[in-house]
N, C-alpha and C. Protein backbone atom coordinates (compact mmCIF):
# COMPACT_ATOMS: atom_id res chain seq x y z
N MET A 1 52.75 -3.63 4.65
CA MET A 1 51.61 -2.98 5.25
C MET A 1 50.68 -2.43 4.16
N GLN A 2 51.26 -1.86 3.13
CA GLN A 2 50.47 -1.29 2.04
C GLN A 2 49.73 -2.40 1.28
N THR A 3 50.28 -3.58 1.23
CA THR A 3 49.65 -4.71 0.56
C THR A 3 48.37 -5.11 1.30
N HIS A 4 48.39 -5.02 2.63
CA HIS A 4 47.21 -5.37 3.41
C HIS A 4 46.05 -4.42 3.12
N PHE A 5 46.37 -3.11 2.97
CA PHE A 5 45.32 -2.14 2.67
C PHE A 5 44.74 -2.38 1.28
N ARG A 6 45.60 -2.73 0.34
CA ARG A 6 45.12 -3.01 -1.02
C ARG A 6 44.22 -4.24 -1.03
N LEU A 7 44.60 -5.27 -0.30
CA LEU A 7 43.77 -6.48 -0.22
C LEU A 7 42.44 -6.18 0.48
N LEU A 8 42.50 -5.40 1.54
CA LEU A 8 41.29 -5.02 2.26
C LEU A 8 40.38 -4.20 1.36
N PHE A 9 40.94 -3.22 0.67
CA PHE A 9 40.16 -2.39 -0.24
C PHE A 9 39.56 -3.23 -1.37
N ALA A 10 40.34 -4.13 -1.94
CA ALA A 10 39.85 -4.98 -3.02
C ALA A 10 38.72 -5.89 -2.51
N GLY A 11 38.85 -6.41 -1.31
CA GLY A 11 37.81 -7.26 -0.73
C GLY A 11 36.54 -6.47 -0.47
N LEU A 12 36.66 -5.26 0.07
CA LEU A 12 35.49 -4.43 0.32
C LEU A 12 34.80 -4.02 -0.98
N ALA A 13 35.59 -3.67 -1.97
CA ALA A 13 35.04 -3.27 -3.26
C ALA A 13 34.31 -4.44 -3.92
N THR A 14 34.88 -5.61 -3.83
CA THR A 14 34.24 -6.80 -4.40
C THR A 14 32.94 -7.12 -3.68
N THR A 15 32.95 -7.03 -2.35
CA THR A 15 31.74 -7.28 -1.57
C THR A 15 30.65 -6.27 -1.91
N LEU A 16 31.01 -5.02 -2.04
CA LEU A 16 30.05 -3.97 -2.38
C LEU A 16 29.47 -4.20 -3.78
N ALA A 17 30.32 -4.53 -4.72
CA ALA A 17 29.87 -4.77 -6.09
C ALA A 17 28.94 -5.98 -6.16
N MET A 18 29.24 -7.03 -5.42
CA MET A 18 28.40 -8.23 -5.44
C MET A 18 27.04 -7.96 -4.79
N SER A 19 27.02 -7.20 -3.70
CA SER A 19 25.75 -6.93 -3.02
C SER A 19 24.89 -5.95 -3.80
N ALA A 20 25.49 -5.12 -4.62
CA ALA A 20 24.73 -4.15 -5.41
C ALA A 20 23.96 -4.82 -6.53
N CYS A 21 24.30 -6.04 -6.87
CA CYS A 21 23.64 -6.74 -7.97
C CYS A 21 22.39 -7.49 -7.53
N VAL A 22 22.07 -7.47 -6.25
CA VAL A 22 20.92 -8.21 -5.74
C VAL A 22 19.71 -7.30 -5.69
N THR A 23 18.60 -7.72 -6.32
CA THR A 23 17.34 -6.99 -6.24
C THR A 23 16.24 -7.97 -5.88
N ILE A 24 15.25 -7.46 -5.21
CA ILE A 24 14.10 -8.28 -4.83
C ILE A 24 12.87 -7.62 -5.42
N ASN A 25 12.14 -8.36 -6.24
CA ASN A 25 10.92 -7.85 -6.84
C ASN A 25 9.73 -8.58 -6.24
N ILE A 26 8.74 -7.81 -5.83
CA ILE A 26 7.51 -8.38 -5.28
C ILE A 26 6.37 -7.91 -6.16
N TYR A 27 5.58 -8.84 -6.66
CA TYR A 27 4.45 -8.52 -7.52
C TYR A 27 3.16 -8.90 -6.81
N PHE A 28 2.20 -7.98 -6.80
CA PHE A 28 0.90 -8.24 -6.21
C PHE A 28 -0.12 -8.38 -7.34
N PRO A 29 -0.86 -9.47 -7.36
CA PRO A 29 -1.90 -9.61 -8.37
C PRO A 29 -2.96 -8.52 -8.18
N GLU A 30 -3.33 -7.87 -9.26
CA GLU A 30 -4.25 -6.73 -9.18
C GLU A 30 -5.61 -7.15 -8.63
N ALA A 31 -6.12 -8.28 -9.07
CA ALA A 31 -7.45 -8.72 -8.62
C ALA A 31 -7.45 -8.99 -7.12
N ALA A 32 -6.41 -9.61 -6.62
CA ALA A 32 -6.34 -9.91 -5.19
C ALA A 32 -6.22 -8.63 -4.37
N ALA A 33 -5.45 -7.66 -4.86
CA ALA A 33 -5.31 -6.40 -4.15
C ALA A 33 -6.64 -5.64 -4.13
N GLU A 34 -7.37 -5.66 -5.24
CA GLU A 34 -8.66 -4.98 -5.31
C GLU A 34 -9.67 -5.65 -4.38
N LYS A 35 -9.67 -6.96 -4.34
CA LYS A 35 -10.58 -7.70 -3.47
C LYS A 35 -10.27 -7.38 -2.00
N ALA A 36 -9.00 -7.33 -1.65
CA ALA A 36 -8.61 -7.00 -0.28
C ALA A 36 -9.03 -5.57 0.08
N ALA A 37 -8.87 -4.65 -0.86
CA ALA A 37 -9.28 -3.26 -0.61
C ALA A 37 -10.79 -3.18 -0.40
N ASP A 38 -11.56 -3.89 -1.20
CA ASP A 38 -13.02 -3.90 -1.04
C ASP A 38 -13.42 -4.46 0.32
N LYS A 39 -12.73 -5.50 0.77
CA LYS A 39 -13.04 -6.09 2.07
C LYS A 39 -12.73 -5.09 3.19
N ILE A 40 -11.63 -4.39 3.08
CA ILE A 40 -11.26 -3.40 4.10
C ILE A 40 -12.30 -2.29 4.13
N ILE A 41 -12.73 -1.83 2.97
CA ILE A 41 -13.75 -0.76 2.92
C ILE A 41 -15.05 -1.24 3.55
N ASP A 42 -15.46 -2.46 3.23
CA ASP A 42 -16.68 -3.01 3.83
C ASP A 42 -16.55 -3.11 5.35
N ASP A 43 -15.39 -3.54 5.83
CA ASP A 43 -15.18 -3.63 7.28
C ASP A 43 -15.26 -2.25 7.93
N VAL A 44 -14.70 -1.24 7.30
CA VAL A 44 -14.75 0.12 7.86
C VAL A 44 -16.19 0.62 7.90
N TRP A 45 -16.96 0.36 6.85
CA TRP A 45 -18.36 0.77 6.83
C TRP A 45 -19.12 0.10 7.95
N GLN A 46 -18.85 -1.17 8.21
CA GLN A 46 -19.55 -1.88 9.28
C GLN A 46 -19.16 -1.33 10.64
N LEU A 47 -17.90 -0.95 10.82
CA LEU A 47 -17.47 -0.38 12.09
C LEU A 47 -18.14 0.97 12.34
N ASN A 48 -18.41 1.72 11.28
CA ASN A 48 -19.07 3.01 11.41
C ASN A 48 -20.57 2.86 11.61
N GLY A 49 -21.11 1.66 11.46
CA GLY A 49 -22.52 1.42 11.66
C GLY A 49 -23.36 1.74 10.44
N ALA A 50 -22.76 1.99 9.31
CA ALA A 50 -23.50 2.29 8.10
C ALA A 50 -23.48 1.08 7.18
N GLY A 51 -24.60 0.79 6.56
CA GLY A 51 -24.67 -0.30 5.60
C GLY A 51 -24.26 0.18 4.22
N LYS A 52 -24.30 -0.71 3.24
CA LYS A 52 -23.87 -0.34 1.89
C LYS A 52 -24.83 0.66 1.24
N ASP A 53 -26.14 0.59 1.59
CA ASP A 53 -27.12 1.47 0.95
C ASP A 53 -27.27 2.80 1.67
N GLU A 54 -26.66 2.95 2.83
CA GLU A 54 -26.77 4.19 3.57
C GLU A 54 -25.66 5.15 3.17
N GLN A 55 -25.92 6.44 3.37
CA GLN A 55 -24.90 7.44 3.09
C GLN A 55 -24.00 7.57 4.31
N PRO A 56 -22.73 7.87 4.10
CA PRO A 56 -21.83 8.04 5.23
C PRO A 56 -22.22 9.25 6.06
N ALA A 57 -21.87 9.21 7.33
CA ALA A 57 -22.17 10.33 8.22
C ALA A 57 -21.47 11.58 7.71
N GLY A 58 -22.15 12.71 7.84
CA GLY A 58 -21.55 13.96 7.41
C GLY A 58 -22.02 14.40 6.03
N GLU A 59 -22.58 13.49 5.24
CA GLU A 59 -23.09 13.88 3.93
C GLU A 59 -24.53 14.32 4.07
N ALA A 60 -24.92 15.35 3.36
CA ALA A 60 -26.27 15.89 3.45
C ALA A 60 -27.27 14.94 2.81
N GLN A 61 -28.41 14.79 3.49
CA GLN A 61 -29.50 13.99 2.94
C GLN A 61 -30.23 14.80 1.88
N PRO A 62 -30.70 14.19 0.81
CA PRO A 62 -31.43 14.94 -0.20
C PRO A 62 -32.75 15.45 0.38
N THR A 63 -33.09 16.67 0.05
CA THR A 63 -34.33 17.27 0.54
C THR A 63 -35.38 17.16 -0.54
N PRO A 64 -36.69 17.07 -0.16
CA PRO A 64 -37.73 17.00 -1.18
C PRO A 64 -37.78 18.29 -1.98
N ALA A 65 -38.15 18.16 -3.23
CA ALA A 65 -38.23 19.35 -4.10
C ALA A 65 -39.32 20.27 -3.59
N GLN A 66 -39.09 21.57 -3.74
CA GLN A 66 -40.05 22.55 -3.27
C GLN A 66 -41.33 22.44 -4.08
N GLY A 67 -42.47 22.60 -3.42
CA GLY A 67 -43.75 22.53 -4.10
C GLY A 67 -44.32 21.13 -4.16
N GLN A 68 -43.57 20.13 -3.73
CA GLN A 68 -44.07 18.76 -3.72
C GLN A 68 -44.15 18.29 -2.28
N GLU A 69 -45.34 17.99 -1.84
CA GLU A 69 -45.50 17.47 -0.49
C GLU A 69 -46.58 16.48 -0.43
């Protein structure tokens, strides 16, 4: 009976050790990620109804300088 536990323990330990050696690395190209981020930002701006040259809602518009009219 004790031999079965030792075999079971050895099998579990081996399985754990083998699975711990597996890693998955994912690399994202920087240019592609930046391009995707720019596209998302442009899409959000279009959904808000603001163009690229317009200021976002909530930002103060510049006022004319005093004394100039």
